[in-house]
N, C-alpha and C. Protein backbone atom coordinates (compact mmCIF):
# COMPACT_ATOMS: atom_id res chain seq x y z
N MET A 1 148.58 203.85 200.35
CA MET A 1 147.90 204.99 200.90
C MET A 1 147.13 205.74 199.59
N LEU A 2 148.02 205.66 198.56
CA LEU A 2 147.47 206.53 197.35
C LEU A 2 146.18 205.92 196.93
N GLN A 3 145.83 204.67 197.09
CA GLN A 3 144.64 203.98 196.61
C GLN A 3 143.58 203.85 197.68
N GLY A 4 143.75 204.55 198.73
CA GLY A 4 142.82 204.41 199.80
C GLY A 4 142.72 203.24 200.81
N TYR A 5 143.63 202.56 200.81
CA TYR A 5 143.56 201.14 201.62
C TYR A 5 144.07 201.55 203.15
N THR A 6 144.81 202.71 203.25
CA THR A 6 145.22 203.02 204.43
C THR A 6 145.21 204.61 204.52
N ARG A 7 145.26 205.19 205.72
CA ARG A 7 145.29 206.68 205.87
C ARG A 7 146.61 207.21 206.26
N GLN A 8 147.45 206.29 206.46
CA GLN A 8 148.89 206.74 206.61
C GLN A 8 149.84 205.80 206.01
N PRO A 9 151.08 206.23 205.76
CA PRO A 9 152.07 205.33 204.96
C PRO A 9 152.31 204.22 206.12
N LEU A 10 152.61 202.92 205.73
CA LEU A 10 152.85 201.85 206.53
C LEU A 10 154.14 201.12 205.94
N ALA A 11 154.98 200.76 206.80
CA ALA A 11 156.11 200.02 206.37
C ALA A 11 155.82 198.64 206.07
N GLU A 12 156.49 197.90 205.06
CA GLU A 12 156.12 196.65 204.61
C GLU A 12 155.89 195.63 205.59
N VAL A 13 156.61 195.65 206.59
CA VAL A 13 156.67 194.73 207.76
C VAL A 13 155.27 195.00 208.63
N ALA A 14 154.96 196.19 208.77
CA ALA A 14 153.78 196.51 209.55
C ALA A 14 152.59 196.12 208.49
N THR A 15 152.64 196.31 207.52
CA THR A 15 151.52 195.98 206.64
C THR A 15 151.23 194.44 206.65
N GLU A 16 152.33 193.80 206.62
CA GLU A 16 152.30 192.17 206.71
C GLU A 16 151.61 191.88 207.90
N THR A 17 152.07 192.60 208.98
CA THR A 17 151.50 192.20 210.31
C THR A 17 149.91 192.51 210.43
N GLU A 18 149.61 193.62 209.91
CA GLU A 18 148.31 193.80 209.82
C GLU A 18 147.45 192.93 209.02
N LEU A 19 147.99 192.40 207.92
CA LEU A 19 147.27 191.67 207.04
C LEU A 19 147.05 190.08 207.75
N LEU A 20 148.18 189.80 208.29
CA LEU A 20 148.16 188.45 209.19
C LEU A 20 147.25 188.42 210.18
N TRP A 21 147.10 189.55 210.82
CA TRP A 21 146.02 189.68 211.97
C TRP A 21 144.53 189.39 211.54
N LEU A 22 144.47 190.07 210.08
CA LEU A 22 143.12 189.81 209.66
C LEU A 22 142.90 188.27 209.08
N VAL A 23 143.95 187.69 208.77
CA VAL A 23 144.04 186.21 208.45
C VAL A 23 143.58 185.57 209.73
N ASP A 24 144.30 185.89 210.80
CA ASP A 24 144.11 185.14 212.05
C ASP A 24 142.80 185.14 212.60
N VAL A 25 142.16 186.32 212.37
CA VAL A 25 140.58 186.31 212.86
C VAL A 25 139.66 186.07 212.00
N GLY A 26 140.10 185.69 210.66
CA GLY A 26 139.11 185.08 209.67
C GLY A 26 138.51 185.91 208.85
N ILE A 27 139.00 187.26 208.44
CA ILE A 27 138.40 188.16 207.82
C ILE A 27 139.11 187.89 206.32
N LEU A 28 140.26 187.90 206.12
CA LEU A 28 141.08 187.56 204.95
C LEU A 28 141.40 186.02 204.92
N ARG A 29 141.84 185.67 203.62
CA ARG A 29 142.68 184.39 203.44
C ARG A 29 143.73 184.84 202.43
N ARG A 30 144.92 184.01 202.54
CA ARG A 30 145.79 184.15 201.46
C ARG A 30 145.53 183.54 200.13
N GLU A 31 145.66 184.08 199.00
CA GLU A 31 145.57 183.49 197.76
C GLU A 31 146.96 182.94 197.33
N VAL A 32 146.93 181.62 197.13
CA VAL A 32 148.29 181.07 196.91
C VAL A 32 148.17 180.32 195.32
N ASP A 33 149.33 180.63 194.67
CA ASP A 33 149.24 180.16 193.27
C ASP A 33 149.64 178.62 193.30
N GLY A 34 149.86 178.02 192.24
CA GLY A 34 150.40 176.54 192.01
C GLY A 34 151.70 176.18 192.56
N GLN A 35 152.56 177.27 192.71
CA GLN A 35 153.86 176.95 193.21
C GLN A 35 153.81 177.26 194.75
N GLY A 36 152.74 177.68 195.49
CA GLY A 36 152.68 177.89 196.80
C GLY A 36 153.21 179.28 197.29
N LEU A 37 153.31 180.32 196.18
CA LEU A 37 153.62 181.51 196.53
C LEU A 37 152.20 182.31 196.75
N THR A 38 152.39 183.57 197.66
CA THR A 38 151.26 184.23 197.97
C THR A 38 151.67 185.60 197.67
N ASP A 39 150.57 186.13 196.78
CA ASP A 39 151.02 187.55 196.48
C ASP A 39 149.61 188.53 196.62
N SER A 40 148.53 187.64 197.05
CA SER A 40 147.41 188.46 197.37
C SER A 40 146.61 187.94 198.39
N PHE A 41 145.37 188.69 198.76
CA PHE A 41 144.48 188.29 199.85
C PHE A 41 143.24 188.27 199.29
N ARG A 42 142.31 187.51 199.91
CA ARG A 42 140.72 187.61 199.47
C ARG A 42 139.69 187.54 200.68
N LEU A 43 138.71 188.22 200.71
CA LEU A 43 137.98 188.03 201.85
C LEU A 43 137.34 186.79 202.02
N THR A 44 137.10 186.29 203.22
CA THR A 44 136.34 185.08 203.59
C THR A 44 134.87 185.36 203.72
N PRO A 45 134.18 184.40 203.68
CA PRO A 45 132.60 184.61 203.90
C PRO A 45 132.36 185.47 205.23
N LEU A 46 133.09 185.22 206.13
CA LEU A 46 132.91 186.14 207.33
C LEU A 46 133.42 187.71 206.86
N GLY A 47 134.37 187.82 206.21
CA GLY A 47 134.69 189.14 205.83
C GLY A 47 133.80 189.85 204.95
N ARG A 48 133.17 188.96 204.18
CA ARG A 48 132.09 189.65 203.31
C ARG A 48 130.97 190.04 204.23
N GLN A 49 130.65 189.34 205.12
CA GLN A 49 129.41 189.72 206.09
C GLN A 49 129.81 190.95 206.70
N VAL A 50 131.14 191.06 207.19
CA VAL A 50 131.52 192.27 208.02
C VAL A 50 131.32 193.43 207.05
N VAL A 51 131.72 193.46 205.85
CA VAL A 51 131.81 194.49 204.72
C VAL A 51 130.34 194.85 204.62
N GLU A 52 129.47 194.07 204.38
CA GLU A 52 128.07 194.00 203.92
C GLU A 52 127.30 194.86 205.25
N HIS A 53 127.68 194.36 206.38
CA HIS A 53 127.18 195.04 207.50
C HIS A 53 127.42 196.51 207.67
N TRP A 54 128.78 196.64 207.37
CA TRP A 54 129.34 198.08 207.42
C TRP A 54 128.65 198.91 206.29
N GLN A 55 128.58 198.27 205.23
CA GLN A 55 127.94 199.18 204.15
C GLN A 55 126.46 199.40 204.31
N ARG A 56 125.81 198.54 205.07
CA ARG A 56 124.16 198.76 205.29
C ARG A 56 124.19 199.81 206.37
N GLN A 57 125.21 199.96 207.22
CA GLN A 57 125.10 201.26 208.05
C GLN A 57 125.63 202.46 207.58
N GLY A 58 125.73 202.45 206.21
CA GLY A 58 126.16 203.90 205.55
C GLY A 58 127.63 203.97 205.65
N CYS A 59 128.45 202.91 205.77
CA CYS A 59 129.98 203.09 205.92
C CYS A 59 130.33 204.11 206.90
N PRO A 60 129.99 203.88 208.31
CA PRO A 60 130.29 204.69 209.30
C PRO A 60 131.91 204.89 209.51
N ASP A 61 132.30 206.15 209.76
CA ASP A 61 133.72 206.30 209.98
C ASP A 61 133.92 206.71 211.55
N ARG A 62 133.59 205.81 212.26
CA ARG A 62 133.58 206.06 213.76
C ARG A 62 134.74 205.63 214.41
N ARG A 63 135.32 206.45 215.28
CA ARG A 63 136.68 206.12 216.11
C ARG A 63 136.43 205.19 217.05
N ALA A 64 137.35 204.39 217.34
CA ALA A 64 137.07 203.43 218.48
C ALA A 64 137.29 204.18 219.83
N SER A 65 136.82 203.84 221.11
CA SER A 65 137.14 204.45 222.27
C SER A 65 138.33 204.13 222.69
N LEU A 66 139.07 204.78 223.81
CA LEU A 66 140.31 204.49 224.48
C LEU A 66 139.96 203.11 224.97
N LEU A 67 139.09 202.58 225.61
CA LEU A 67 138.90 201.29 226.03
C LEU A 67 139.03 200.34 224.79
N ASP A 68 138.38 200.55 223.84
CA ASP A 68 138.51 199.62 222.66
C ASP A 68 139.94 199.45 222.22
N TYR A 69 140.67 200.62 222.12
CA TYR A 69 142.14 200.45 221.62
C TYR A 69 142.70 199.63 222.68
N VAL A 70 142.77 199.73 223.98
CA VAL A 70 143.41 199.06 224.95
C VAL A 70 142.98 197.67 224.83
N LYS A 71 141.84 197.31 224.77
CA LYS A 71 141.32 195.83 224.70
C LYS A 71 141.91 195.19 223.29
N ASN A 72 141.66 195.93 222.31
CA ASN A 72 142.31 195.46 221.18
C ASN A 72 143.76 195.19 221.08
N GLY A 73 144.40 196.14 221.69
CA GLY A 73 145.87 195.85 221.91
C GLY A 73 146.38 194.56 222.73
N VAL A 74 145.56 194.52 223.99
CA VAL A 74 145.94 193.46 224.75
C VAL A 74 145.59 192.19 223.95
N ILE A 75 144.43 192.02 223.37
CA ILE A 75 144.09 190.85 222.64
C ILE A 75 145.05 190.52 221.46
N ARG A 76 145.52 191.77 220.75
CA ARG A 76 146.21 191.30 219.55
C ARG A 76 147.74 191.02 219.94
N ARG A 77 148.14 191.60 221.10
CA ARG A 77 149.76 191.52 221.39
C ARG A 77 149.88 190.25 222.15
N LEU A 78 148.93 190.11 222.99
CA LEU A 78 149.20 188.77 224.02
C LEU A 78 148.55 187.59 223.50
N ARG A 79 147.59 187.86 222.42
CA ARG A 79 146.85 186.73 222.03
C ARG A 79 146.00 185.97 222.98
N ILE A 80 145.38 186.80 223.83
CA ILE A 80 144.23 186.40 224.73
C ILE A 80 142.94 186.28 224.08
N PRO A 81 142.35 185.02 224.25
CA PRO A 81 141.09 185.08 223.64
C PRO A 81 140.14 186.18 224.09
N ASP A 82 139.35 186.61 223.14
CA ASP A 82 138.43 187.73 223.13
C ASP A 82 137.42 187.49 224.28
N TRP A 83 136.94 186.30 224.59
CA TRP A 83 136.05 185.79 225.62
C TRP A 83 136.56 186.15 227.12
N LEU A 84 138.04 186.07 227.19
CA LEU A 84 138.55 186.37 228.45
C LEU A 84 138.60 187.79 228.98
N VAL A 85 138.53 188.72 227.95
CA VAL A 85 138.76 190.15 228.26
C VAL A 85 137.54 190.79 228.60
């Protein structure tokens, strides 16, 4: 939070859950050292495209609609493919 990565404090478990979601959708990948330990994440090519698109739009700070929150929650929690919703 102090470095601006999040707007509110998150527990370690919640942080791990959010990072794993970004890995699952292809935005991040884990960086593994020679011993197979993970201590960092890196943007994937798709993640770079998302960030570049966001920056071209002037880094908008738009809030999602209630429908977006519900749809995202259903997809994330139930692991339903996006094309079914």
